[in-house]
Protein backbone atom coordinates (compact mmCIF):
# COMPACT_ATOMS: atom_id res chain seq x y z
CA MET A 1 120.23 54.74 90.18
CA PRO A 2 116.82 56.51 89.35
CA LYS A 3 117.28 60.45 89.15
CA ARG A 4 115.64 62.25 92.76
CA VAL A 5 112.46 64.38 91.85
CA ASP A 6 112.75 67.49 93.60
CA HIS A 7 108.92 67.96 93.97
CA GLU A 8 108.88 71.67 94.53
CA GLU A 9 110.78 72.47 91.43
CA ARG A 10 108.12 69.96 89.77
CA ARG A 11 105.02 71.98 91.35
CA VAL A 12 106.87 75.78 89.48
CA GLN A 13 107.18 74.09 86.40
CA ILE A 14 103.39 73.58 86.58
CA ALA A 15 102.69 76.99 87.97
CA GLU A 16 104.87 78.64 85.58
CA ALA A 17 102.61 76.80 82.58
CA LEU A 18 99.57 77.25 84.36
CA ILE A 19 100.45 81.31 84.12
CA ARG A 20 101.64 80.99 80.33
CA VAL A 21 98.53 79.49 79.41
CA ALA A 22 96.30 81.60 81.18
CA GLY A 23 98.19 84.75 80.19
CA ARG A 24 96.91 83.46 76.82
CA ARG A 25 93.48 82.64 77.07
CA GLY A 26 91.84 83.87 80.67
CA LEU A 27 92.26 82.05 83.88
CA HIS A 28 88.48 81.08 83.25
CA ALA A 29 89.06 78.93 80.27
CA VAL A 30 92.29 77.25 81.59
CA GLY A 31 91.49 72.86 82.59
CA MET A 32 93.81 70.58 84.57
CA ARG A 33 94.55 69.14 80.99
CA ASP A 34 95.60 72.24 79.45
CA VAL A 35 98.43 73.32 81.96
CA ALA A 36 99.74 69.64 81.50
CA ALA A 37 99.94 69.96 78.04
CA GLU A 38 101.58 73.08 78.40
CA ALA A 39 103.86 71.68 81.26
CA GLY A 40 104.89 68.63 78.75
CA VAL A 41 103.35 66.38 81.44
CA SER A 42 101.07 64.23 82.01
CA LEU A 43 97.48 65.14 83.41
CA ARG A 44 97.76 62.13 85.69
CA LEU A 45 101.21 64.54 87.06
CA VAL A 46 99.22 67.45 87.50
CA GLN A 47 96.58 66.04 89.62
CA TYR A 48 99.28 64.04 91.92
CA TYR A 49 100.44 67.44 92.99
CA PHE A 50 97.21 69.40 93.14
CA GLN A 51 94.55 66.96 92.79
CA THR A 52 91.96 70.25 92.19
CA LYS A 53 91.93 72.54 89.60
CA GLU A 54 91.32 75.23 92.90
CA LYS A 55 94.46 74.01 94.19
CA LEU A 56 96.26 74.50 91.06
CA LEU A 57 94.94 78.07 90.82
CA PHE A 58 95.36 78.93 94.54
CA TYR A 59 99.64 77.84 94.18
CA GLY A 60 99.53 79.67 90.87
CA LEU A 61 98.48 82.97 92.32
CA GLN A 62 101.37 82.39 95.41
CA HIS A 63 103.78 82.06 92.71
CA LEU A 64 102.54 85.13 90.40
CA THR A 65 102.78 87.03 93.89
CA ALA A 66 106.18 85.61 94.80
CA ARG A 67 107.37 86.68 91.10
CA PHE A 68 106.13 90.11 91.62
CA THR A 69 107.60 90.55 94.70
CA ALA A 70 111.33 90.12 93.34
CA ARG A 71 110.26 92.09 90.42
CA VAL A 72 109.15 95.43 93.38
CA GLY A 73 113.00 94.03 94.74
CA ALA A 74 114.68 94.10 91.03
CA ARG A 75 113.28 97.74 90.96
CA LEU A 76 114.77 99.09 93.77
CA ALA A 77 117.73 97.54 93.61
CA ALA A 78 117.85 99.17 90.52
CA ALA A 79 117.20 102.23 92.44
CA GLY A 80 120.18 102.20 94.35
CA PRO A 81 121.42 101.29 98.41
CA ASP A 82 119.08 103.78 100.28
CA PRO A 83 115.95 105.07 97.56
CA GLY A 84 114.14 106.86 100.14
CA PRO A 85 110.63 106.70 100.52
CA ARG A 86 109.54 108.46 97.55
CA ALA A 87 111.08 105.86 95.14
CA THR A 88 110.19 102.72 96.77
CA VAL A 89 106.25 103.98 96.64
CA GLU A 90 106.97 104.66 92.92
CA ALA A 91 108.68 100.74 92.80
CA LEU A 92 106.11 99.27 94.16
CA LEU A 93 102.85 101.07 92.58
CA LEU A 94 104.75 100.41 89.10
CA ALA A 95 105.42 97.52 89.61
CA SER A 96 101.82 96.72 89.62
CA LEU A 97 101.10 98.26 85.87
CA PRO A 98 100.82 96.02 82.90
CA THR A 99 103.57 97.79 81.07
CA ASP A 100 105.37 94.71 79.85
CA GLU A 101 104.52 91.01 78.88
CA GLU A 102 105.61 89.93 82.64
CA SER A 103 103.11 92.25 84.62
CA ARG A 104 100.41 92.19 82.10
CA THR A 105 99.90 88.75 82.47
CA PHE A 106 100.56 89.51 86.68
CA HIS A 107 97.46 91.90 86.58
CA LEU A 108 95.18 90.12 83.98
CA LEU A 109 95.70 87.00 86.77
CA TYR A 110 95.50 88.51 89.78
CA SER A 111 92.66 90.61 88.74
CA SER A 112 90.99 87.29 87.07
CA TYR A 113 91.63 85.17 90.38
CA ALA A 114 89.76 88.22 92.56
CA ILE A 115 86.93 87.96 90.42
CA LEU A 116 86.49 83.88 90.79
CA SER A 117 87.17 83.76 94.01
CA VAL A 118 83.73 85.86 94.40
CA THR A 119 81.33 83.55 92.20
CA ASP A 120 83.82 79.98 92.92
CA GLY A 121 82.70 78.43 96.46
CA ALA A 122 86.26 76.75 96.73
CA LEU A 123 88.06 79.24 95.88
CA ALA A 124 86.45 81.92 98.26
CA ALA A 125 86.76 78.87 100.72
CA GLN A 126 90.41 79.73 100.45
CA PRO A 127 92.03 83.11 101.36
CA PHE A 128 92.73 85.48 98.19
CA VAL A 129 96.29 86.96 99.59
CA GLU A 130 96.99 85.66 102.88
CA ASN A 131 97.84 89.32 104.20
CA PRO A 132 95.55 91.51 102.17
CA ASP A 133 96.65 95.14 103.99
CA ALA A 134 100.17 94.33 103.35
CA ALA A 135 100.65 96.91 100.61
CA GLU A 136 98.72 99.21 102.23
CA ASP A 137 100.76 99.02 105.55
CA ALA A 138 103.96 99.50 103.19
CA LEU A 139 102.64 102.64 101.56
CA THR A 140 101.53 104.05 104.97
CA GLY A 141 104.61 103.46 106.38
CA LEU A 142 107.04 105.16 103.77
CA PHE A 143 104.63 107.79 103.71
CA VAL A 144 104.85 108.27 107.59
CA GLN A 145 108.54 108.36 107.09
CA ALA A 146 108.98 110.43 104.84
CA GLN A 147 106.51 113.48 106.72
CA GLU A 148 108.75 112.67 110.07
CA SER A 149 112.04 113.18 107.49
CA GLY A 150 110.34 116.65 106.13
CA LEU A 151 109.76 114.88 102.83
CA ALA A 152 106.20 114.70 102.19
CA ASP A 153 103.23 116.94 103.00
CA PRO A 154 102.78 116.89 106.60
CA ARG A 155 98.95 117.86 106.54
CA ALA A 156 98.31 114.58 104.38
CA GLU A 157 96.23 111.15 105.64
CA ALA A 158 99.14 108.58 104.88
CA ARG A 159 96.77 105.87 105.48
CA THR A 160 94.10 107.33 103.04
CA GLU A 161 96.76 107.88 100.60
CA ALA A 162 97.78 104.82 100.59
CA ILE A 163 94.45 103.59 99.46
CA SER A 164 93.78 105.46 97.28
CA LEU A 165 96.66 105.06 95.37
CA LEU A 166 96.12 101.47 95.31
CA ALA A 167 92.91 101.38 94.28
CA MET A 168 94.34 103.96 91.39
CA ALA A 169 97.19 101.78 90.10
CA ALA A 170 94.31 98.97 90.16
CA THR A 171 92.20 100.86 87.56
CA LEU A 172 94.65 102.60 85.84
CA GLY A 173 96.44 98.66 85.15
CA THR A 174 92.89 97.52 83.72
CA SER A 175 92.47 100.52 81.84
CA ILE A 176 95.58 99.99 80.14
CA LEU A 177 94.92 96.02 79.53
CA VAL A 178 91.34 97.41 77.95
CA GLY A 179 93.65 99.78 75.42
CA GLN A 180 91.93 102.96 77.36
CA ARG A 181 94.99 104.77 77.74
CA SER A 182 98.75 103.54 77.05
CA PRO A 183 101.31 103.01 80.03
CA GLU A 184 102.98 106.28 79.82
CA SER A 185 100.01 108.40 80.56
CA ALA A 186 99.15 105.69 83.69
CA VAL A 187 102.45 106.18 85.16
CA ALA A 188 102.43 110.14 84.43
CA VAL A 189 98.72 109.90 86.11
CA LEU A 190 100.38 108.65 89.46
CA ARG A 191 103.24 110.02 89.26
CA HIS A 192 101.41 113.71 89.48
CA HIS A 193 99.85 112.28 92.74
CA LEU A 194 103.27 111.04 94.29
CA ASP A 195 104.52 115.01 93.06
CA ARG A 196 101.34 116.56 94.93
CA ILE A 197 101.85 114.27 98.23
CA PHE A 198 105.73 114.58 98.50
CA THR A 199 105.83 118.38 97.48
CA PRO A 200 105.75 119.93 101.27
CA PRO A 201 103.44 122.85 101.90
CA SER A 202 106.15 125.67 101.09
């Protein structure tokens, strides 16, 4: 009896190959043939599952986002059963910094996809992320929770702080990638700003 093919497992296998080869060569330089070779499957099979390079890239981005979500979850689990708003915010922000090979690949490919979607009509026709304000909303809610619990400066504007920290984390991540600063110095900058927000005025 022939072995039953798990189609989602095969898609994930191909997406993982895309992530590996794009992490080495850059997203712009990767073709479907490169991904097929990396995955150890035929080009025809990659085309069967994804039809176009744009569809492959979009699925790869979704898979990369799922891996990032799992990474945040692992950080929160390590912080204990009730980490509190400060530790939760820190886990969200630090998980996005390229401090190891996996997070480096995430930051590199996520940034590359965003840039490509500006100039590539086929990519621009798809939503870059399904809920672009999810991280901003989550951080805003955590800041409000901290303020209501007396754990953060009540004068701070929660959404503005959320937007600022997300933008700062993204820029710091790029500065790590290009060698402008070390991961340790980027983490120190983020923690400096978190100390400011989560220290109520005396």
